[in-house]
Structure formats: C-alpha cells, structure tokens
Amino acid sequence: MPQLSLQEWQRLDIVARWLVATRASVLFMTLMSAALGGLLAGFDGHFNFAVWCLCALGLVMAHATNNLLNDYTDSRRGIDKDNYYRNQYGVHVLEDELLTPRQFWGYVAVTAMLALVPGLYLVWQSGGVTLSLLLAGAFFVLFYTWPLKYFGLGEPAVLLVWGPLMVGGTYYVLAGEWSWPVTWLSLLYALGPTSVLFGKHIDKLELDAAKRVHTLPVILGEVSARYWVCAMLMLQYLGTVALVLLGVWHWGLLLVLLNLADFKKLLQVFSEPKPAEAPAELPAGVWPLWFSAFAFSHTRRFTGLFLVGLLLQGVF
C-alpha cells in the first residue's frame, strides 16, 4: 500500500483514489475465492460466465466496502489516532484528511451499491438459500470491525467468509445446490487469508492490547498466536494431501507441495519474535508489516498453485 502526500493524492484519478482508499491490493484474495467457486462449479457442468461475473463483482465490492467501513469505525472509535499501526503502512484517507466525510461516504455508497445490486439480482435469479448467503455477507461487512474484531471473532469470521460463504456461495449460485466437498476444500483455501489477518494482528498486538482491541492474537498471546499460524498453514498442506489420498480431489492439487520451500521460510519467520527494526533485506515500503507480509506472500503463491492444480483436474 502506498504512502501518499496530499499533492500526490490530488494528482490521482478517481479510479486510482478508489483503489488506494479500499486497499485494493488485498482484494485479490476475494477474487480467488470467487474463481475457486466458479472453477469447481464448472467441473460439475454448471458454469455460467455472466452469473459468475456478477457473483465475483458483488464479493469483491463487498470486501472493498468492508475495508472502507473498517477504516471509518476504527477512526471514529479513536483507534487510528496518533500514528497508529494502520497509518504507518499505508494511506488512511480519513486520518490523513485526503477525503472529506461527504466524499468518503460517497465512496462507501457507490462501492456498497456495486456489491448489493449484483447480490439482489442473484437472489432474484437463483432463489433458494442465496438470500441467506447475501444476508450473512452483509452481516460480516457491517459488523466485522465492531464488535467481531474487538472480541476475538474477527479471525474465525474470515475463515468462514473466505471459505464456505464465498467459495461455497459462488458454487451454490452457479450449481443450485450445496456441496460439502467444495466446503471442505474452501476451508483449506481460507486458511491462507486467515493467516494473513492473524499475521497483521500479531504485528500490532501490543498496540491493539493497549487500545483494548481484543483480537485473537491479543487473547492467545504473541507466542501462541505465531504457532497457531504455523499450525493453520501446515493444515493446508496436510489437508490437501488427505483430500487427494481419500479420492475426494484429483492428484493435481499436490502441485501445492512445490510451495514447501516458501512454507519452510515462513515457519522460520514465525518461530521468532518480530524484529525491533526493519531488516535490511526487507523491501522498502513493507515495514512495519512483518508476519502479515510473509503470510500474504505465502498465500499468494499457495493460491496460484492451488488453482493450477484444480485446472489440471479439469484437464484430466
């Protein structure tokens, strides 16, 4: 995420400003959830490109809306004051006064509309439990930051949202039925985005604790939280191998094992406390992100191999 002065911000066009304000760099994880659900539906002969595009648009815009509301809620509650962690690794359009309140709520309104309209259309077209999925998504968009994140429920929420809700929901909209094999596979994928959030909350654990934001790492403690991430990502690999050995999914998924070298590096990082200062080898602009940066990098590579492995299943 870039750091921008007011002058640099003013030189950006409206699309670039929206990308910065919504922290678009992390939206790819949501797009991958939609892609995974669509791919799995396609394997079962239920893919419809137009319907999938609407589903992907709604999900990505819902995530973007949540990012905006997250910044608003934390700013309004005083969490992001005084150069808080969130302000150090990227632009905070409210705290940096890059948007007026009216402009900010204009961003929220347009982004939320682009999430809600496709969702309502899909409810009208698909029926069934699609409305329940939409309402569940709206609940997490509105209430993730508060109270869920403040009481150790943010991380479990991400596991459910990026897994069964997004992947399973996309599959359901396309196929018209719920699939438990898809659900189990979606949970394995969702461990990646969950590890990224875990990592970010470990990075700012002391600041959150001081401001009484009781994320799960604050509740578990720094050391336990680090090992929880290691265990979750180890489960990604073991679970993938288990699903292949049990015949639930094709051997192509074993392609994720090519990422074991990156996983080994991640384990080394999470086995030690965060450095007091940015190491020389860390790319410029990343610090103070540390655990979340490594988790994000690992998740990006794992997800790519995961999808390619599923494509191999389609080919064979």
Protein backbone atom coordinates (compact mmCIF):
# COMPACT_ATOMS: atom_id res chain seq x y z
CA MET A 1 0.00 0.00 0.00
CA PRO A 2 1.42 3.37 -0.98
CA GLN A 3 2.18 6.34 1.23
CA LEU A 4 0.90 9.49 -0.47
CA SER A 5 1.08 13.19 0.25
CA LEU A 6 -1.93 15.41 -0.34
CA GLN A 7 -0.34 16.70 -3.55
CA GLU A 8 0.27 13.16 -4.85
CA TRP A 9 -3.28 12.17 -3.91
CA GLN A 10 -4.73 15.12 -5.82
CA ARG A 11 -2.89 14.07 -8.98
CA LEU A 12 -4.61 10.66 -8.97
CA ASP A 13 -7.75 9.99 -11.00
CA ILE A 14 -10.92 8.76 -9.30
CA VAL A 15 -10.23 5.07 -10.02
CA ALA A 16 -6.73 5.24 -8.54
CA ARG A 17 -8.08 7.03 -5.48
CA TRP A 18 -10.71 4.33 -5.01
CA LEU A 19 -8.07 1.60 -5.30
CA VAL A 20 -5.97 3.28 -2.62
CA ALA A 21 -8.92 4.02 -0.31
CA THR A 22 -10.23 0.44 -0.45
CA ARG A 23 -6.80 -1.17 -0.03
CA ALA A 24 -7.28 -2.96 -3.34
CA SER A 25 -4.01 -4.90 -3.02
CA VAL A 26 -5.76 -7.43 -0.76
CA LEU A 27 -8.92 -7.79 -2.86
CA PHE A 28 -7.25 -10.49 -4.94
CA MET A 29 -7.93 -12.99 -2.13
CA THR A 30 -11.65 -12.41 -2.59
CA LEU A 31 -11.38 -12.68 -6.35
CA MET A 32 -9.58 -16.00 -5.88
CA SER A 33 -12.42 -17.27 -3.68
CA ALA A 34 -14.89 -16.44 -6.44
CA ALA A 35 -12.59 -18.04 -9.02
CA LEU A 36 -12.33 -21.20 -6.94
CA GLY A 37 -16.11 -21.49 -6.57
CA GLY A 38 -16.63 -20.87 -10.27
CA LEU A 39 -13.99 -23.39 -11.27
CA LEU A 40 -15.50 -26.09 -9.09
CA ALA A 41 -18.98 -25.39 -10.45
CA GLY A 42 -17.56 -25.62 -13.97
CA PHE A 43 -16.18 -29.08 -13.23
CA ASP A 44 -19.72 -30.18 -12.45
CA GLY A 45 -21.12 -28.65 -15.64
CA HIS A 46 -22.78 -25.62 -14.04
CA PHE A 47 -20.61 -22.69 -15.11
CA ASN A 48 -22.25 -19.53 -16.43
CA PHE A 49 -19.79 -16.73 -17.16
CA ALA A 50 -22.27 -13.86 -16.78
CA VAL A 51 -23.58 -15.17 -13.45
CA TRP A 52 -20.04 -15.77 -12.21
CA CYS A 53 -19.01 -12.20 -13.14
CA LEU A 54 -21.92 -10.82 -11.12
CA CYS A 55 -21.02 -13.02 -8.18
CA ALA A 56 -17.32 -12.04 -8.33
CA LEU A 57 -18.20 -8.35 -8.65
CA GLY A 58 -20.53 -8.50 -5.66
CA LEU A 59 -17.98 -10.28 -3.48
CA VAL A 60 -15.05 -8.01 -4.38
CA MET A 61 -17.14 -4.89 -3.83
CA ALA A 62 -18.42 -6.25 -0.51
CA HIS A 63 -14.81 -6.73 0.62
CA ALA A 64 -13.95 -3.21 -0.57
CA THR A 65 -16.94 -1.83 1.35
CA ASN A 66 -15.78 -3.62 4.47
CA ASN A 67 -12.30 -2.12 4.14
CA LEU A 68 -13.80 1.37 3.96
CA LEU A 69 -16.09 0.75 6.92
CA ASN A 70 -13.20 -0.78 8.87
CA ASP A 71 -11.21 2.43 8.48
CA TYR A 72 -14.24 4.54 9.39
CA THR A 73 -15.10 2.52 12.50
CA ASP A 74 -11.55 2.43 13.85
CA SER A 75 -11.12 6.12 13.11
CA ARG A 76 -14.42 7.05 14.76
CA ARG A 77 -13.60 4.98 17.85
CA GLY A 78 -10.18 6.66 18.15
CA ILE A 79 -8.17 3.52 17.36
CA ASP A 80 -6.36 5.02 14.36
CA LYS A 81 -5.32 8.22 16.12
CA ASP A 82 -1.74 9.25 16.93
CA ASN A 83 0.09 7.46 14.10
CA TYR A 84 -1.43 4.09 14.93
CA TYR A 85 -0.14 0.98 13.13
CA ARG A 86 -2.73 1.25 10.33
CA ASN A 87 -1.44 4.72 9.45
CA GLN A 88 2.16 3.54 9.20
CA TYR A 89 1.91 1.01 6.39
CA GLY A 90 -0.46 2.85 4.04
CA VAL A 91 -2.70 5.80 3.36
CA HIS A 92 -5.63 6.28 5.72
CA VAL A 93 -7.91 8.57 3.77
CA LEU A 94 -9.74 9.81 6.87
CA GLU A 95 -6.87 10.23 9.29
CA ASP A 96 -4.71 11.81 6.56
CA GLU A 97 -7.64 14.05 5.61
CA LEU A 98 -7.45 13.11 1.94
CA LEU A 99 -11.23 12.77 1.72
CA THR A 100 -13.89 14.88 3.34
CA PRO A 101 -16.62 12.96 5.22
CA ARG A 102 -19.01 13.63 2.35
CA GLN A 103 -16.55 12.31 -0.23
CA PHE A 104 -15.79 9.27 1.91
CA TRP A 105 -19.45 8.33 2.26
CA GLY A 106 -19.81 8.80 -1.49
CA TYR A 107 -17.11 6.13 -1.93
CA VAL A 108 -18.93 3.87 0.53
CA ALA A 109 -22.32 4.37 -1.14
CA VAL A 110 -21.09 3.60 -4.67
CA THR A 111 -18.99 0.62 -3.56
CA ALA A 112 -21.79 -0.84 -1.45
CA MET A 113 -24.25 -0.38 -4.31
CA LEU A 114 -21.93 -2.28 -6.65
CA ALA A 115 -21.93 -5.09 -4.08
CA LEU A 116 -25.65 -5.07 -3.29
CA VAL A 117 -27.17 -4.77 -6.78
CA PRO A 118 -25.48 -7.91 -8.21
CA GLY A 119 -26.35 -9.74 -4.98
CA LEU A 120 -30.03 -8.84 -5.17
CA TYR A 121 -30.15 -9.84 -8.83
CA LEU A 122 -28.64 -13.23 -8.00
CA VAL A 123 -31.18 -13.68 -5.18
CA TRP A 124 -33.96 -12.97 -7.68
CA GLN A 125 -32.46 -15.34 -10.26
CA SER A 126 -31.29 -18.18 -8.04
CA GLY A 127 -33.66 -18.20 -5.07
CA GLY A 128 -33.09 -20.94 -2.51
CA VAL A 129 -30.59 -20.04 0.18
CA THR A 130 -29.00 -17.27 -1.90
CA LEU A 131 -30.81 -14.66 0.20
CA SER A 132 -29.41 -16.23 3.37
CA LEU A 133 -25.92 -16.09 1.89
CA LEU A 134 -26.42 -12.42 0.99
CA LEU A 135 -27.65 -11.57 4.47
CA ALA A 136 -24.73 -13.43 6.06
CA GLY A 137 -22.32 -11.48 3.87
CA ALA A 138 -23.98 -8.19 4.79
CA PHE A 139 -23.67 -9.08 8.48
CA PHE A 140 -19.92 -9.62 8.22
CA VAL A 141 -19.43 -6.46 6.12
CA LEU A 142 -21.23 -4.33 8.71
CA PHE A 143 -20.09 -5.94 11.94
CA TYR A 144 -16.63 -7.41 11.30
CA THR A 145 -14.74 -4.37 12.62
CA TRP A 146 -17.01 -3.94 15.60
CA PRO A 147 -17.86 -5.99 17.55
CA LEU A 148 -16.36 -9.13 15.97
CA LYS A 149 -12.74 -7.96 15.65
CA TYR A 150 -12.78 -6.39 19.10
CA PHE A 151 -13.75 -9.66 20.81
CA GLY A 152 -11.56 -12.28 19.14
CA LEU A 153 -14.11 -13.25 16.48
CA GLY A 154 -12.53 -11.49 13.51
CA GLU A 155 -10.22 -14.36 12.59
CA PRO A 156 -12.91 -17.09 12.73
CA ALA A 157 -15.14 -14.77 10.67
CA VAL A 158 -12.51 -14.55 7.93
CA LEU A 159 -12.20 -18.35 7.84
CA LEU A 160 -15.95 -18.68 7.33
CA VAL A 161 -16.28 -15.79 4.87
CA TRP A 162 -13.36 -16.58 2.56
CA GLY A 163 -14.21 -20.28 2.68
CA PRO A 164 -17.81 -21.57 2.79
CA LEU A 165 -19.50 -18.19 2.29
CA MET A 166 -17.52 -17.00 -0.74
CA VAL A 167 -16.35 -20.25 -2.35
CA GLY A 168 -19.32 -22.35 -1.31
CA GLY A 169 -21.71 -19.49 -2.03
CA THR A 170 -20.32 -18.95 -5.54
CA TYR A 171 -20.64 -22.67 -6.22
CA TYR A 172 -24.22 -22.68 -4.92
CA VAL A 173 -25.30 -19.73 -7.06
CA LEU A 174 -23.91 -21.42 -10.17
CA ALA A 175 -24.85 -25.03 -9.42
CA GLY A 176 -28.10 -24.51 -7.48
CA GLU A 177 -27.03 -26.91 -4.73
CA TRP A 178 -24.69 -27.02 -1.75
CA SER A 179 -21.58 -29.21 -1.96
CA TRP A 180 -19.76 -30.47 1.12
CA PRO A 181 -16.61 -31.49 -0.81
CA VAL A 182 -16.46 -27.88 -2.02
CA THR A 183 -16.97 -26.69 1.56
CA TRP A 184 -14.02 -28.70 2.90
CA LEU A 185 -11.83 -27.54 0.06
CA SER A 186 -12.88 -23.93 0.65
CA LEU A 187 -11.84 -24.14 4.30
CA LEU A 188 -8.35 -25.27 3.26
CA TYR A 189 -8.08 -22.28 0.94
CA ALA A 190 -9.49 -19.87 3.56
CA LEU A 191 -6.72 -20.80 6.00
CA GLY A 192 -4.48 -18.63 3.79
CA PRO A 193 -6.43 -15.33 4.11
CA THR A 194 -6.97 -16.14 7.79
CA SER A 195 -3.21 -16.45 8.29
CA VAL A 196 -2.72 -13.02 6.70
CA LEU A 197 -5.14 -11.43 9.15
CA PHE A 198 -3.59 -13.36 12.03
CA GLY A 199 -0.18 -12.08 10.95
CA LYS A 200 -1.34 -8.46 10.82
CA HIS A 201 -2.90 -8.72 14.26
CA ILE A 202 0.32 -10.24 15.66
CA ASP A 203 2.29 -7.40 14.08
CA LYS A 204 0.26 -4.85 16.02
CA LEU A 205 -0.56 -6.96 19.06
CA GLU A 206 0.87 -4.55 21.65
CA LEU A 207 -0.87 -1.54 20.10
CA ASP A 208 -4.20 -3.40 19.94
CA ALA A 209 -3.88 -4.55 23.54
CA ALA A 210 -3.16 -1.00 24.69
CA LYS A 211 -6.32 0.23 22.93
CA ARG A 212 -8.42 -2.69 24.17
CA VAL A 213 -8.91 -4.25 20.75
CA HIS A 214 -9.02 -7.90 21.76
CA THR A 215 -8.13 -9.66 18.54
CA LEU A 216 -7.49 -13.39 18.77
CA PRO A 217 -3.67 -12.92 18.92
CA VAL A 218 -4.17 -10.49 21.84
CA ILE A 219 -6.25 -13.14 23.62
CA LEU A 220 -3.89 -16.03 22.81
CA GLY A 221 -0.66 -14.15 23.41
CA GLU A 222 2.11 -13.40 20.92
CA VAL A 223 3.93 -16.75 21.08
CA SER A 224 0.78 -18.89 20.90
CA ALA A 225 -0.59 -16.80 18.04
CA ARG A 226 2.58 -17.31 16.00
CA TYR A 227 2.36 -21.07 16.42
CA TRP A 228 -1.34 -21.02 15.58
CA VAL A 229 -0.45 -19.57 12.17
CA CYS A 230 2.17 -22.27 11.64
CA ALA A 231 -0.38 -24.94 12.54
CA MET A 232 -3.04 -23.48 10.24
CA LEU A 233 -0.74 -23.36 7.24
CA MET A 234 0.61 -26.83 7.97
CA LEU A 235 -3.02 -27.98 7.95
CA GLN A 236 -3.38 -26.50 4.46
CA TYR A 237 -0.77 -28.92 3.12
CA LEU A 238 -1.79 -31.93 5.20
CA GLY A 239 -5.47 -31.37 4.43
CA THR A 240 -4.78 -31.08 0.71
CA VAL A 241 -2.80 -34.33 0.70
CA ALA A 242 -5.55 -36.02 2.73
CA LEU A 243 -8.29 -34.98 0.29
CA VAL A 244 -6.22 -36.37 -2.59
CA LEU A 245 -5.45 -39.67 -0.82
CA LEU A 246 -9.11 -40.08 0.10
CA GLY A 247 -10.06 -39.63 -3.54
CA VAL A 248 -12.14 -36.52 -2.89
CA TRP A 249 -9.98 -34.42 -5.25
CA HIS A 250 -7.53 -35.11 -8.06
CA TRP A 251 -3.77 -35.56 -7.64
CA GLY A 252 -3.21 -32.24 -9.45
CA LEU A 253 -3.79 -30.49 -6.13
CA LEU A 254 -0.47 -31.91 -4.94
CA LEU A 255 1.08 -29.14 -7.01
CA VAL A 256 0.86 -27.00 -3.85
CA LEU A 257 3.76 -29.05 -2.47
CA LEU A 258 6.01 -27.03 -4.78
CA ASN A 259 5.49 -24.21 -2.29
CA LEU A 260 7.04 -26.11 0.62
CA ALA A 261 10.30 -24.14 0.36
CA ASP A 262 8.35 -20.92 0.88
CA PHE A 263 6.44 -22.57 3.71
CA LYS A 264 9.71 -23.56 5.39
CA LYS A 265 10.86 -19.93 5.23
CA LEU A 266 7.54 -18.80 6.71
CA LEU A 267 7.93 -21.26 9.60
CA GLN A 268 11.36 -19.82 10.35
CA VAL A 269 9.92 -16.29 10.44
CA PHE A 270 7.00 -17.23 12.70
CA SER A 271 9.24 -19.20 15.06
CA GLU A 272 10.86 -15.98 16.30
CA PRO A 273 9.57 -12.63 17.61
CA LYS A 274 9.20 -9.67 15.27
CA PRO A 275 12.49 -7.75 14.81
CA ALA A 276 12.76 -4.40 16.56
CA GLU A 277 13.70 -2.72 13.27
CA ALA A 278 13.17 -3.48 9.60
CA PRO A 279 15.81 -5.98 8.38
CA ALA A 280 17.98 -4.73 5.52
CA GLU A 281 16.68 -7.43 3.15
CA LEU A 282 13.04 -6.39 3.59
CA PRO A 283 11.78 -4.47 0.52
CA ALA A 284 11.17 -0.77 1.03
CA GLY A 285 7.64 0.18 1.96
CA VAL A 286 6.75 -3.11 3.66
CA TRP A 287 7.68 -2.32 7.27
CA PRO A 288 6.07 -2.26 9.85
CA LEU A 289 4.29 -5.23 8.23
CA TRP A 290 6.28 -8.34 9.05
CA PHE A 291 4.33 -11.51 9.86
CA SER A 292 1.44 -10.40 7.66
CA ALA A 293 3.81 -9.67 4.76
CA PHE A 294 5.26 -13.20 4.83
CA ALA A 295 1.80 -14.74 5.27
CA PHE A 296 0.49 -12.70 2.33
CA SER A 297 3.37 -13.78 0.10
CA HIS A 298 2.89 -17.43 1.07
CA THR A 299 -0.88 -17.25 0.50
CA ARG A 300 -0.45 -15.68 -2.93
CA ARG A 301 1.87 -18.48 -4.09
CA PHE A 302 -0.18 -21.26 -2.47
CA THR A 303 -3.37 -19.95 -4.07
CA GLY A 304 -1.81 -19.84 -7.52
CA LEU A 305 -0.62 -23.43 -7.27
CA PHE A 306 -3.95 -24.48 -5.76
CA LEU A 307 -5.90 -23.11 -8.73
CA VAL A 308 -3.47 -24.55 -11.29
CA GLY A 309 -3.81 -27.93 -9.55
CA LEU A 310 -7.59 -27.73 -9.88
CA LEU A 311 -7.26 -26.80 -13.54
CA LEU A 312 -5.22 -29.97 -14.02
CA GLN A 313 -8.13 -31.88 -12.57
CA GLY A 314 -10.35 -30.34 -15.25
CA VAL A 315 -7.89 -31.27 -17.99
CA PHE A 316 -7.55 -34.91 -16.92
